[in-house]
Amino acid sequence: MSDLQIDHLGIAVKSIATAQAFYQKLGITPGHEEMVEGEKVRVVMIPTGESRIELLEPTSPDSTIAKFLEKRGEGLHHVCLRVSDLPATVERLKAEGVRLVSDEIKIGAGGHQYVFVHPSSAGGVLIELVQGR
């Protein structure tokens, strides 16, 4: 049995304020806003039962999210899966030839550890893996 769980869906937006207003109309209270300096984004997590929606707004024109918005517009950026042992999962994937965006495990919003699997190894979808909470 797999230990994978959907942690969150990352959505690239031009304006967190505008996006939050929509979710508030659904009766959902967004979490607190956080800056992730290393990724040059502003982030808000929106609780949705056992999972969350992550709104990602660029804070710099050279951020990955700004480039994504230029190329594709607002929408689903990535799917995030929670694993019980991130370092072991990363090593296993690398040994099996899975392409990662970066081999380095990084620290993101909320202090969680993460790594991204390149879309070329995941059926065209950017997959984020995070250490289980």
Protein backbone atom coordinates (compact mmCIF):
# COMPACT_ATOMS: atom_id res chain seq x y z
CA MET A 1 0.00 0.00 0.00
CA SER A 2 1.33 3.44 -0.93
CA ASP A 3 1.93 6.11 1.68
CA LEU A 4 1.14 8.90 -0.82
CA GLN A 5 -1.55 11.43 0.00
CA ILE A 6 -2.57 14.59 -1.80
CA ASP A 7 -1.19 17.44 0.32
CA HIS A 8 -2.33 20.32 -1.88
CA LEU A 9 -2.97 21.65 -5.37
CA GLY A 10 -0.84 24.65 -6.33
CA ILE A 11 -2.64 27.32 -8.33
CA ALA A 12 -0.76 30.20 -9.97
CA VAL A 13 -2.64 33.49 -9.66
CA LYS A 14 -1.97 37.09 -10.60
CA SER A 15 -3.57 38.34 -7.39
CA ILE A 16 -4.00 36.40 -4.16
CA ALA A 17 -6.57 38.96 -2.99
CA THR A 18 -8.77 38.35 -6.04
CA ALA A 19 -8.41 34.57 -5.80
CA GLN A 20 -9.15 34.55 -2.05
CA ALA A 21 -12.36 36.48 -2.66
CA PHE A 22 -13.67 33.61 -4.78
CA TYR A 23 -12.94 30.98 -2.12
CA GLN A 24 -14.53 33.20 0.54
CA LYS A 25 -17.70 33.24 -1.58
CA LEU A 26 -17.64 29.43 -1.25
CA GLY A 27 -17.56 29.86 2.52
CA ILE A 28 -13.90 28.88 2.92
CA THR A 29 -11.64 30.96 5.15
CA PRO A 30 -8.14 31.20 3.66
CA GLY A 31 -5.12 30.69 5.90
CA HIS A 32 -2.44 33.28 6.56
CA GLU A 33 -0.32 34.81 3.82
CA GLU A 34 3.35 33.87 3.72
CA MET A 35 6.35 34.92 1.63
CA VAL A 36 8.69 32.27 0.28
CA GLU A 37 11.73 34.37 -0.56
CA GLY A 38 13.67 31.55 -2.24
CA GLU A 39 10.86 30.96 -4.74
CA LYS A 40 9.91 34.65 -5.03
CA VAL A 41 6.25 33.99 -4.29
CA ARG A 42 3.53 34.98 -1.87
CA VAL A 43 1.53 31.96 -0.71
CA VAL A 44 -1.84 31.38 0.94
CA MET A 45 -3.06 27.92 1.89
CA ILE A 46 -6.79 27.30 1.78
CA PRO A 47 -8.04 24.31 3.79
CA THR A 48 -10.26 21.86 1.89
CA GLY A 49 -10.91 18.92 4.20
CA GLU A 50 -7.88 16.64 4.36
CA SER A 51 -6.10 18.58 1.61
CA ARG A 52 -5.47 22.22 0.74
CA ILE A 53 -5.34 24.63 -2.18
CA GLU A 54 -2.17 26.71 -2.39
CA LEU A 55 -2.48 30.10 -4.09
CA LEU A 56 0.83 31.27 -5.56
CA GLU A 57 1.39 34.91 -6.53
CA PRO A 58 4.76 36.01 -7.93
CA THR A 59 6.68 38.70 -6.06
CA SER A 60 9.21 39.19 -8.85
CA PRO A 61 8.98 39.13 -12.66
CA ASP A 62 11.80 36.56 -12.77
CA SER A 63 10.09 34.05 -10.45
CA THR A 64 9.01 30.65 -11.74
CA ILE A 65 5.37 31.55 -11.09
CA ALA A 66 5.65 34.84 -13.04
CA LYS A 67 7.10 32.93 -16.00
CA PHE A 68 4.33 30.32 -15.70
CA LEU A 69 1.66 33.06 -15.72
CA GLU A 70 3.24 34.70 -18.79
CA LYS A 71 3.32 31.44 -20.69
CA ARG A 72 0.11 29.71 -19.56
CA GLY A 73 -1.97 32.18 -17.58
CA GLU A 74 -3.62 31.51 -14.25
CA GLY A 75 -4.42 27.94 -13.29
CA LEU A 76 -3.16 24.67 -11.91
CA HIS A 77 0.60 24.83 -11.46
CA HIS A 78 1.35 21.58 -9.60
CA VAL A 79 0.00 18.64 -7.64
CA CYS A 80 1.65 18.07 -4.27
CA LEU A 81 1.91 14.60 -2.76
CA ARG A 82 2.84 13.95 0.87
CA VAL A 83 5.25 11.07 1.55
CA SER A 84 6.34 9.60 4.87
CA ASP A 85 10.09 9.64 4.11
CA LEU A 86 11.05 12.35 1.60
CA PRO A 87 14.83 11.71 1.53
CA ALA A 88 14.31 7.97 0.90
CA THR A 89 11.68 8.67 -1.76
CA VAL A 90 13.99 11.13 -3.54
CA GLU A 91 16.89 8.63 -3.52
CA ARG A 92 14.65 5.84 -4.82
CA LEU A 93 13.29 8.03 -7.64
CA LYS A 94 16.78 9.17 -8.65
CA ALA A 95 17.98 5.54 -8.70
CA GLU A 96 15.05 4.69 -10.96
CA GLY A 97 15.97 7.48 -13.41
CA VAL A 98 13.19 9.90 -12.50
CA ARG A 99 14.10 13.47 -13.44
CA LEU A 100 13.84 16.00 -10.61
CA VAL A 101 13.73 19.77 -11.07
CA SER A 102 16.45 19.94 -8.40
CA ASP A 103 18.18 17.16 -6.49
CA GLU A 104 18.23 19.37 -3.40
CA ILE A 105 15.43 19.08 -0.84
CA LYS A 106 14.34 22.65 -0.07
CA ILE A 107 12.36 24.37 2.68
CA GLY A 108 9.10 26.05 1.63
CA ALA A 109 5.98 27.66 3.05
CA GLY A 110 5.22 26.61 6.59
CA GLY A 111 8.75 25.23 6.90
CA HIS A 112 7.95 22.02 5.02
CA GLN A 113 10.60 20.11 3.08
CA TYR A 114 9.93 19.65 -0.63
CA VAL A 115 11.30 18.63 -4.00
CA PHE A 116 9.73 18.83 -7.48
CA VAL A 117 9.54 15.99 -10.01
CA HIS A 118 9.99 17.27 -13.55
CA PRO A 119 6.87 16.99 -15.76
CA SER A 120 8.86 14.92 -18.29
CA SER A 121 8.94 12.09 -15.73
CA ALA A 122 5.36 12.52 -14.52
CA GLY A 123 3.11 12.47 -17.57
CA GLY A 124 3.37 16.21 -18.18
CA VAL A 125 2.39 17.21 -14.64
CA LEU A 126 4.68 19.07 -12.24
CA ILE A 127 4.64 17.02 -9.03
CA GLU A 128 5.78 18.40 -5.71
CA LEU A 129 6.73 15.89 -3.02
CA VAL A 130 6.65 17.00 0.62
CA GLN A 131 7.67 15.37 3.86
CA GLY A 132 4.58 14.14 5.75
CA ARG A 133 3.38 16.33 8.58
